[in-house]
Protein backbone atom coordinates (compact mmCIF):
# COMPACT_ATOMS: atom_id res chain seq x y z
CA UNK A 1 0.00 0.00 0.00
CA UNK A 2 2.83 2.39 0.80
CA UNK A 3 4.31 1.80 -2.65
CA UNK A 4 1.04 2.81 -4.28
CA UNK A 5 0.93 5.95 -2.14
CA UNK A 6 4.49 6.84 -3.14
CA UNK A 7 3.76 6.25 -6.83
CA UNK A 8 0.61 8.37 -6.64
CA UNK A 9 2.51 11.18 -4.94
CA UNK A 10 5.23 11.05 -7.60
CA UNK A 11 2.65 11.14 -10.39
CA UNK A 12 0.96 14.12 -8.79
CA UNK A 13 4.30 15.90 -8.47
CA UNK A 14 5.09 15.19 -12.13
CA UNK A 15 1.65 16.37 -13.22
CA UNK A 16 2.03 19.62 -11.29
CA UNK A 17 5.41 20.27 -12.89
CA UNK A 18 4.05 19.48 -16.34
CA UNK A 19 1.18 21.91 -15.79
CA UNK A 20 3.61 24.67 -14.76
CA UNK A 21 5.66 24.06 -17.89
CA UNK A 22 2.57 24.00 -20.10
CA UNK A 23 1.34 27.27 -18.58
CA UNK A 24 4.66 28.94 -19.36
CA UNK A 25 4.62 27.67 -22.96
CA UNK A 26 1.00 28.79 -23.38
CA UNK A 27 1.79 32.26 -22.02
CA UNK A 28 4.69 32.62 -24.45
CA UNK A 29 2.51 31.48 -27.35
CA UNK A 30 -0.29 33.88 -26.36
CA UNK A 31 2.15 36.77 -26.12
CA UNK A 32 3.53 36.03 -29.58
CA UNK A 33 0.01 35.75 -31.02
CA UNK A 34 -0.96 39.15 -29.56
CA UNK A 35 2.17 40.74 -31.04
CA UNK A 36 1.44 39.17 -34.42
CA UNK A 37 -2.15 40.39 -34.44
CA UNK A 38 -1.00 43.93 -33.62
CA UNK A 39 1.28 44.12 -36.66
CA UNK A 40 0.10 46.30 -39.54
CA UNK A 41 -1.16 44.70 -42.73
CA UNK A 42 1.43 44.00 -45.41
CA UNK A 43 0.92 45.47 -48.84
CA UNK A 44 -0.03 42.91 -51.48
CA UNK A 45 3.22 43.34 -53.43
CA UNK A 46 5.27 42.57 -50.29
CA UNK A 47 3.28 39.64 -48.91
CA UNK A 48 5.56 36.98 -50.41
CA UNK A 49 8.62 38.48 -48.70
CA UNK A 50 6.75 38.87 -45.43
CA UNK A 51 5.55 35.26 -45.43
CA UNK A 52 9.02 33.99 -46.32
CA UNK A 53 10.59 36.01 -43.51
CA UNK A 54 7.95 34.83 -41.00
CA UNK A 55 8.51 31.19 -41.97
CA UNK A 56 12.28 31.55 -41.51
CA UNK A 57 11.77 33.19 -38.10
CA UNK A 58 9.36 30.44 -37.09
CA UNK A 59 11.76 27.65 -38.05
CA UNK A 60 14.60 29.39 -36.24
CA UNK A 61 12.50 29.77 -33.09
CA UNK A 62 11.54 26.08 -33.24
CA UNK A 63 15.18 25.04 -33.46
CA UNK A 64 16.04 27.20 -30.45
CA UNK A 65 13.43 25.47 -28.28
CA UNK A 66 14.39 21.93 -29.34
C-alpha atoms as a PDB file:
ATOM      1  CA  UNK A   1       0.000   0.000   0.000  1.00  0.00           C
ATOM      2  CA  UNK A   2       2.830   2.394   0.802  1.00  0.00           C
ATOM      3  CA  UNK A   3       4.314   1.802  -2.654  1.00  0.00           C
ATOM      4  CA  UNK A   4       1.038   2.806  -4.277  1.00  0.00           C
ATOM      5  CA  UNK A   5       0.927   5.950  -2.141  1.00  0.00           C
ATOM      6  CA  UNK A   6       4.488   6.842  -3.144  1.00  0.00           C
ATOM      7  CA  UNK A   7       3.761   6.254  -6.833  1.00  0.00           C
ATOM      8  CA  UNK A   8       0.608   8.366  -6.644  1.00  0.00           C
ATOM      9  CA  UNK A   9       2.505  11.184  -4.938  1.00  0.00           C
ATOM     10  CA  UNK A  10       5.231  11.046  -7.600  1.00  0.00           C
ATOM     11  CA  UNK A  11       2.648  11.137 -10.388  1.00  0.00           C
ATOM     12  CA  UNK A  12       0.956  14.121  -8.790  1.00  0.00           C
ATOM     13  CA  UNK A  13       4.300  15.903  -8.468  1.00  0.00           C
ATOM     14  CA  UNK A  14       5.095  15.191 -12.135  1.00  0.00           C
ATOM     15  CA  UNK A  15       1.652  16.367 -13.222  1.00  0.00           C
ATOM     16  CA  UNK A  16       2.032  19.619 -11.286  1.00  0.00           C
ATOM     17  CA  UNK A  17       5.409  20.270 -12.886  1.00  0.00           C
ATOM     18  CA  UNK A  18       4.051  19.483 -16.343  1.00  0.00           C
ATOM     19  CA  UNK A  19       1.176  21.912 -15.791  1.00  0.00           C
ATOM     20  CA  UNK A  20       3.613  24.665 -14.763  1.00  0.00           C
ATOM     21  CA  UNK A  21       5.665  24.059 -17.890  1.00  0.00           C
ATOM     22  CA  UNK A  22       2.568  24.002 -20.097  1.00  0.00           C
ATOM     23  CA  UNK A  23       1.336  27.271 -18.578  1.00  0.00           C
ATOM     24  CA  UNK A  24       4.661  28.944 -19.364  1.00  0.00           C
ATOM     25  CA  UNK A  25       4.622  27.671 -22.956  1.00  0.00           C
ATOM     26  CA  UNK A  26       0.995  28.790 -23.385  1.00  0.00           C
ATOM     27  CA  UNK A  27       1.786  32.262 -22.024  1.00  0.00           C
ATOM     28  CA  UNK A  28       4.688  32.621 -24.449  1.00  0.00           C
ATOM     29  CA  UNK A  29       2.510  31.484 -27.355  1.00  0.00           C
ATOM     30  CA  UNK A  30      -0.286  33.877 -26.365  1.00  0.00           C
ATOM     31  CA  UNK A  31       2.148  36.768 -26.120  1.00  0.00           C
ATOM     32  CA  UNK A  32       3.528  36.033 -29.576  1.00  0.00           C
ATOM     33  CA  UNK A  33       0.008  35.750 -31.016  1.00  0.00           C
ATOM     34  CA  UNK A  34      -0.959  39.147 -29.563  1.00  0.00           C
ATOM     35  CA  UNK A  35       2.166  40.739 -31.035  1.00  0.00           C
ATOM     36  CA  UNK A  36       1.437  39.166 -34.419  1.00  0.00           C
ATOM     37  CA  UNK A  37      -2.155  40.391 -34.439  1.00  0.00           C
ATOM     38  CA  UNK A  38      -1.002  43.932 -33.623  1.00  0.00           C
ATOM     39  CA  UNK A  39       1.280  44.118 -36.664  1.00  0.00           C
ATOM     40  CA  UNK A  40       0.101  46.305 -39.536  1.00  0.00           C
ATOM     41  CA  UNK A  41      -1.163  44.698 -42.727  1.00  0.00           C
ATOM     42  CA  UNK A  42       1.432  44.003 -45.406  1.00  0.00           C
ATOM     43  CA  UNK A  43       0.916  45.475 -48.845  1.00  0.00           C
ATOM     44  CA  UNK A  44      -0.029  42.906 -51.476  1.00  0.00           C
ATOM     45  CA  UNK A  45       3.217  43.338 -53.428  1.00  0.00           C
ATOM     46  CA  UNK A  46       5.271  42.566 -50.290  1.00  0.00           C
ATOM     47  CA  UNK A  47       3.282  39.642 -48.912  1.00  0.00           C
ATOM     48  CA  UNK A  48       5.556  36.980 -50.406  1.00  0.00           C
ATOM     49  CA  UNK A  49       8.625  38.478 -48.705  1.00  0.00           C
ATOM     50  CA  UNK A  50       6.751  38.874 -45.427  1.00  0.00           C
ATOM     51  CA  UNK A  51       5.546  35.264 -45.427  1.00  0.00           C
ATOM     52  CA  UNK A  52       9.015  33.988 -46.318  1.00  0.00           C
ATOM     53  CA  UNK A  53      10.593  36.014 -43.505  1.00  0.00           C
ATOM     54  CA  UNK A  54       7.949  34.832 -41.003  1.00  0.00           C
ATOM     55  CA  UNK A  55       8.514  31.189 -41.970  1.00  0.00           C
ATOM     56  CA  UNK A  56      12.276  31.554 -41.512  1.00  0.00           C
ATOM     57  CA  UNK A  57      11.771  33.192 -38.104  1.00  0.00           C
ATOM     58  CA  UNK A  58       9.361  30.437 -37.088  1.00  0.00           C
ATOM     59  CA  UNK A  59      11.759  27.650 -38.049  1.00  0.00           C
ATOM     60  CA  UNK A  60      14.603  29.394 -36.235  1.00  0.00           C
ATOM     61  CA  UNK A  61      12.499  29.770 -33.093  1.00  0.00           C
ATOM     62  CA  UNK A  62      11.539  26.084 -33.241  1.00  0.00           C
ATOM     63  CA  UNK A  63      15.180  25.039 -33.465  1.00  0.00           C
ATOM     64  CA  UNK A  64      16.039  27.196 -30.451  1.00  0.00           C
ATOM     65  CA  UNK A  65      13.428  25.471 -28.276  1.00  0.00           C
ATOM     66  CA  UNK A  66      14.386  21.926 -29.341  1.00  0.00           C
END
